Amino acid sequence: MKPYRVSVRFYPDRGQEKKAIDFLKQLPEKKINRFIVDAVSEKIKASPVSLSAGDLDAIREIIKDELSGVTFAAPVEKATPGITELTEEENAANQESVLADMDAFFS
Protein backbone atom coordinates (compact mmCIF):
# COMPACT_ATOMS: atom_id res chain seq x y z
CA MET A 1 0.00 0.00 0.00
CA LYS A 2 1.31 3.45 -0.91
CA PRO A 3 1.84 5.92 1.90
CA TYR A 4 -0.29 9.04 1.99
CA ARG A 5 1.90 11.99 1.10
CA VAL A 6 1.35 15.60 1.99
CA SER A 7 3.47 18.70 1.63
CA VAL A 8 3.62 20.99 4.65
CA ARG A 9 4.84 24.57 4.50
CA PHE A 10 5.80 26.69 7.49
CA TYR A 11 6.11 30.46 7.19
CA PRO A 12 8.90 32.00 9.28
CA ASP A 13 7.12 35.38 9.48
CA ARG A 14 4.27 33.82 11.53
CA GLY A 15 5.09 33.47 15.24
CA GLN A 16 3.89 29.93 15.99
CA GLU A 17 5.14 28.60 12.68
CA LYS A 18 8.59 30.12 13.31
CA LYS A 19 8.71 28.20 16.61
CA ALA A 20 7.74 25.01 14.75
CA ILE A 21 10.50 25.59 12.19
CA ASP A 22 13.07 26.11 14.91
CA PHE A 23 11.96 22.95 16.71
CA LEU A 24 11.88 20.78 13.59
CA LYS A 25 15.38 21.94 12.60
CA GLN A 26 16.68 20.41 15.84
CA LEU A 27 15.36 16.95 14.92
CA PRO A 28 17.31 14.50 12.76
CA GLU A 29 15.95 14.69 9.21
CA LYS A 30 14.67 11.09 9.27
CA LYS A 31 12.60 11.77 12.39
CA ILE A 32 10.74 14.87 11.19
CA ASN A 33 8.04 12.89 9.34
CA ARG A 34 7.48 10.60 12.34
CA PHE A 35 7.24 13.61 14.66
CA ILE A 36 4.61 15.33 12.46
CA VAL A 37 2.55 12.12 12.10
CA ASP A 38 2.63 11.58 15.87
CA ALA A 39 1.74 15.22 16.55
CA VAL A 40 -1.28 15.07 14.21
CA SER A 41 -2.41 11.78 15.77
CA GLU A 42 -2.15 13.21 19.30
CA LYS A 43 -4.07 16.34 18.28
CA ILE A 44 -6.88 14.18 16.89
CA LYS A 45 -7.03 12.17 20.14
CA ALA A 46 -7.20 15.37 22.20
CA SER A 47 -9.94 16.96 20.07
CA PRO A 48 -13.53 16.89 21.28
CA VAL A 49 -15.60 14.05 19.90
CA SER A 50 -17.80 15.01 16.99
CA LEU A 51 -20.95 12.97 16.68
CA SER A 52 -22.55 12.12 13.37
CA ALA A 53 -26.30 11.86 12.90
CA GLY A 54 -26.02 8.07 13.18
CA ASP A 55 -24.22 8.38 16.51
CA LEU A 56 -26.93 10.70 17.84
CA ASP A 57 -29.64 8.28 16.75
CA ALA A 58 -27.85 5.45 18.55
CA ILE A 59 -27.61 7.56 21.73
CA ARG A 60 -31.31 8.42 21.52
CA GLU A 61 -32.17 4.73 21.13
CA ILE A 62 -30.08 3.79 24.17
CA ILE A 63 -31.72 6.48 26.31
CA LYS A 64 -35.17 5.44 25.08
CA ASP A 65 -34.47 1.80 25.99
CA GLU A 66 -33.11 2.73 29.43
CA LEU A 67 -36.07 4.96 30.26
CA SER A 68 -38.72 2.56 28.97
CA GLY A 69 -38.96 0.86 32.37
CA VAL A 70 -39.16 4.10 34.34
CA THR A 71 -42.55 5.43 35.39
CA PHE A 72 -42.98 9.15 35.56
CA ALA A 73 -45.75 10.55 37.76
CA ALA A 74 -46.76 13.96 38.96
CA PRO A 75 -45.77 14.68 42.54
CA VAL A 76 -48.40 14.03 45.16
CA GLU A 77 -50.02 17.26 46.22
CA LYS A 78 -49.66 18.08 49.87
CA ALA A 79 -52.89 18.57 51.76
CA THR A 80 -53.47 22.19 52.60
CA PRO A 81 -55.28 23.04 55.80
CA GLY A 82 -58.84 24.14 55.23
CA ILE A 83 -59.80 27.77 55.70
CA THR A 84 -61.23 28.26 59.15
CA GLU A 85 -63.49 31.01 60.36
CA LEU A 86 -62.20 33.53 62.84
CA THR A 87 -63.50 33.32 66.36
CA GLU A 88 -65.55 36.22 67.66
CA GLU A 89 -62.57 37.47 69.66
CA GLU A 90 -60.22 37.25 66.63
CA ASN A 91 -62.82 38.98 64.46
CA ALA A 92 -63.24 41.80 66.98
CA ALA A 93 -59.47 42.23 67.35
CA ASN A 94 -59.13 42.27 63.56
CA GLN A 95 -61.79 44.98 63.21
CA GLU A 96 -60.13 47.11 65.90
CA SER A 97 -56.78 46.74 64.18
CA VAL A 98 -58.22 47.76 60.80
CA LEU A 99 -60.00 50.73 62.33
CA ALA A 100 -56.82 51.81 64.17
CA ASP A 101 -54.84 51.56 60.93
CA MET A 102 -57.42 53.64 59.08
CA ASP A 103 -57.42 56.30 61.82
CA ALA A 104 -53.62 56.46 61.66
CA PHE A 105 -53.67 56.69 57.87
CA PHE A 106 -56.27 59.47 57.66
CA SER A 107 -54.93 61.48 60.61
C-alpha atoms as a PDB file:
ATOM      1  CA  MET A   1       0.000   0.000   0.000  1.00  0.00           C
ATOM      2  CA  LYS A   2       1.306   3.446  -0.914  1.00  0.00           C
ATOM      3  CA  PRO A   3       1.836   5.918   1.904  1.00  0.00           C
ATOM      4  CA  TYR A   4      -0.289   9.037   1.987  1.00  0.00           C
ATOM      5  CA  ARG A   5       1.896  11.985   1.098  1.00  0.00           C
ATOM      6  CA  VAL A   6       1.349  15.601   1.993  1.00  0.00           C
ATOM      7  CA  SER A   7       3.470  18.703   1.629  1.00  0.00           C
ATOM      8  CA  VAL A   8       3.625  20.986   4.654  1.00  0.00           C
ATOM      9  CA  ARG A   9       4.838  24.568   4.503  1.00  0.00           C
ATOM     10  CA  PHE A  10       5.798  26.689   7.486  1.00  0.00           C
ATOM     11  CA  TYR A  11       6.105  30.461   7.189  1.00  0.00           C
ATOM     12  CA  PRO A  12       8.896  31.997   9.281  1.00  0.00           C
ATOM     13  CA  ASP A  13       7.119  35.377   9.476  1.00  0.00           C
ATOM     14  CA  ARG A  14       4.266  33.820  11.532  1.00  0.00           C
ATOM     15  CA  GLY A  15       5.094  33.470  15.239  1.00  0.00           C
ATOM     16  CA  GLN A  16       3.888  29.930  15.988  1.00  0.00           C
ATOM     17  CA  GLU A  17       5.138  28.601  12.683  1.00  0.00           C
ATOM     18  CA  LYS A  18       8.588  30.115  13.310  1.00  0.00           C
ATOM     19  CA  LYS A  19       8.707  28.199  16.613  1.00  0.00           C
ATOM     20  CA  ALA A  20       7.739  25.010  14.749  1.00  0.00           C
ATOM     21  CA  ILE A  21      10.496  25.589  12.190  1.00  0.00           C
ATOM     22  CA  ASP A  22      13.075  26.114  14.914  1.00  0.00           C
ATOM     23  CA  PHE A  23      11.956  22.954  16.712  1.00  0.00           C
ATOM     24  CA  LEU A  24      11.883  20.778  13.587  1.00  0.00           C
ATOM     25  CA  LYS A  25      15.377  21.940  12.596  1.00  0.00           C
ATOM     26  CA  GLN A  26      16.680  20.408  15.841  1.00  0.00           C
ATOM     27  CA  LEU A  27      15.360  16.951  14.915  1.00  0.00           C
ATOM     28  CA  PRO A  28      17.308  14.497  12.756  1.00  0.00           C
ATOM     29  CA  GLU A  29      15.949  14.686   9.207  1.00  0.00           C
ATOM     30  CA  LYS A  30      14.671  11.094   9.270  1.00  0.00           C
ATOM     31  CA  LYS A  31      12.599  11.769  12.391  1.00  0.00           C
ATOM     32  CA  ILE A  32      10.742  14.870  11.191  1.00  0.00           C
ATOM     33  CA  ASN A  33       8.041  12.893   9.343  1.00  0.00           C
ATOM     34  CA  ARG A  34       7.476  10.602  12.340  1.00  0.00           C
ATOM     35  CA  PHE A  35       7.236  13.608  14.662  1.00  0.00           C
ATOM     36  CA  ILE A  36       4.612  15.326  12.457  1.00  0.00           C
ATOM     37  CA  VAL A  37       2.546  12.116  12.096  1.00  0.00           C
ATOM     38  CA  ASP A  38       2.634  11.579  15.866  1.00  0.00           C
ATOM     39  CA  ALA A  39       1.738  15.222  16.546  1.00  0.00           C
ATOM     40  CA  VAL A  40      -1.284  15.071  14.214  1.00  0.00           C
ATOM     41  CA  SER A  41      -2.413  11.779  15.772  1.00  0.00           C
ATOM     42  CA  GLU A  42      -2.146  13.215  19.297  1.00  0.00           C
ATOM     43  CA  LYS A  43      -4.073  16.341  18.282  1.00  0.00           C
ATOM     44  CA  ILE A  44      -6.876  14.178  16.891  1.00  0.00           C
ATOM     45  CA  LYS A  45      -7.030  12.172  20.137  1.00  0.00           C
ATOM     46  CA  ALA A  46      -7.204  15.372  22.204  1.00  0.00           C
ATOM     47  CA  SER A  47      -9.937  16.959  20.073  1.00  0.00           C
ATOM     48  CA  PRO A  48     -13.530  16.891  21.283  1.00  0.00           C
ATOM     49  CA  VAL A  49     -15.601  14.050  19.897  1.00  0.00           C
ATOM     50  CA  SER A  50     -17.804  15.010  16.986  1.00  0.00           C
ATOM     51  CA  LEU A  51     -20.952  12.966  16.679  1.00  0.00           C
ATOM     52  CA  SER A  52     -22.554  12.115  13.374  1.00  0.00           C
ATOM     53  CA  ALA A  53     -26.303  11.856  12.897  1.00  0.00           C
ATOM     54  CA  GLY A  54     -26.018   8.067  13.182  1.00  0.00           C
ATOM     55  CA  ASP A  55     -24.222   8.379  16.514  1.00  0.00           C
ATOM     56  CA  LEU A  56     -26.926  10.700  17.836  1.00  0.00           C
ATOM     57  CA  ASP A  57     -29.645   8.280  16.746  1.00  0.00           C
ATOM     58  CA  ALA A  58     -27.853   5.446  18.555  1.00  0.00           C
ATOM     59  CA  ILE A  59     -27.608   7.556  21.729  1.00  0.00           C
ATOM     60  CA  ARG A  60     -31.315   8.423  21.524  1.00  0.00           C
ATOM     61  CA  GLU A  61     -32.173   4.729  21.135  1.00  0.00           C
ATOM     62  CA  ILE A  62     -30.077   3.787  24.173  1.00  0.00           C
ATOM     63  CA  ILE A  63     -31.718   6.479  26.307  1.00  0.00           C
ATOM     64  CA  LYS A  64     -35.166   5.443  25.084  1.00  0.00           C
ATOM     65  CA  ASP A  65     -34.474   1.803  25.992  1.00  0.00           C
ATOM     66  CA  GLU A  66     -33.111   2.730  29.431  1.00  0.00           C
ATOM     67  CA  LEU A  67     -36.074   4.963  30.255  1.00  0.00           C
ATOM     68  CA  SER A  68     -38.722   2.558  28.967  1.00  0.00           C
ATOM     69  CA  GLY A  69     -38.957   0.860  32.372  1.00  0.00           C
ATOM     70  CA  VAL A  70     -39.162   4.102  34.340  1.00  0.00           C
ATOM     71  CA  THR A  71     -42.549   5.428  35.394  1.00  0.00           C
ATOM     72  CA  PHE A  72     -42.985   9.151  35.555  1.00  0.00           C
ATOM     73  CA  ALA A  73     -45.746  10.545  37.755  1.00  0.00           C
ATOM     74  CA  ALA A  74     -46.756  13.957  38.958  1.00  0.00           C
ATOM     75  CA  PRO A  75     -45.769  14.680  42.544  1.00  0.00           C
ATOM     76  CA  VAL A  76     -48.395  14.029  45.156  1.00  0.00           C
ATOM     77  CA  GLU A  77     -50.021  17.256  46.218  1.00  0.00           C
ATOM     78  CA  LYS A  78     -49.657  18.077  49.868  1.00  0.00           C
ATOM     79  CA  ALA A  79     -52.890  18.569  51.755  1.00  0.00           C
ATOM     80  CA  THR A  80     -53.473  22.186  52.605  1.00  0.00           C
ATOM     81  CA  PRO A  81     -55.280  23.041  55.796  1.00  0.00           C
ATOM     82  CA  GLY A  82     -58.844  24.139  55.225  1.00  0.00           C
ATOM     83  CA  ILE A  83     -59.804  27.769  55.705  1.00  0.00           C
ATOM     84  CA  THR A  84     -61.231  28.262  59.152  1.00  0.00           C
ATOM     85  CA  GLU A  85     -63.491  31.005  60.361  1.00  0.00           C
ATOM     86  CA  LEU A  86     -62.201  33.530  62.837  1.00  0.00           C
ATOM     87  CA  THR A  87     -63.501  33.318  66.362  1.00  0.00           C
ATOM     88  CA  GLU A  88     -65.551  36.219  67.659  1.00  0.00           C
ATOM     89  CA  GLU A  89     -62.570  37.467  69.658  1.00  0.00           C
ATOM     90  CA  GLU A  90     -60.221  37.248  66.629  1.00  0.00           C
ATOM     91  CA  ASN A  91     -62.822  38.977  64.455  1.00  0.00           C
ATOM     92  CA  ALA A  92     -63.242  41.805  66.979  1.00  0.00           C
ATOM     93  CA  ALA A  93     -59.473  42.226  67.352  1.00  0.00           C
ATOM     94  CA  ASN A  94     -59.129  42.275  63.564  1.00  0.00           C
ATOM     95  CA  GLN A  95     -61.786  44.980  63.206  1.00  0.00           C
ATOM     96  CA  GLU A  96     -60.133  47.109  65.901  1.00  0.00           C
ATOM     97  CA  SER A  97     -56.778  46.740  64.184  1.00  0.00           C
ATOM     98  CA  VAL A  98     -58.218  47.758  60.804  1.00  0.00           C
ATOM     99  CA  LEU A  99     -59.996  50.733  62.335  1.00  0.00           C
ATOM    100  CA  ALA A 100     -56.818  51.805  64.168  1.00  0.00           C
ATOM    101  CA  ASP A 101     -54.837  51.558  60.931  1.00  0.00           C
ATOM    102  CA  MET A 102     -57.419  53.641  59.084  1.00  0.00           C
ATOM    103  CA  ASP A 103     -57.420  56.302  61.823  1.00  0.00           C
ATOM    104  CA  ALA A 104     -53.616  56.461  61.662  1.00  0.00           C
ATOM    105  CA  PHE A 105     -53.673  56.692  57.869  1.00  0.00           C
ATOM    106  CA  PHE A 106     -56.268  59.475  57.658  1.00  0.00           C
ATOM    107  CA  SER A 107     -54.927  61.483  60.609  1.00  0.00           C
END
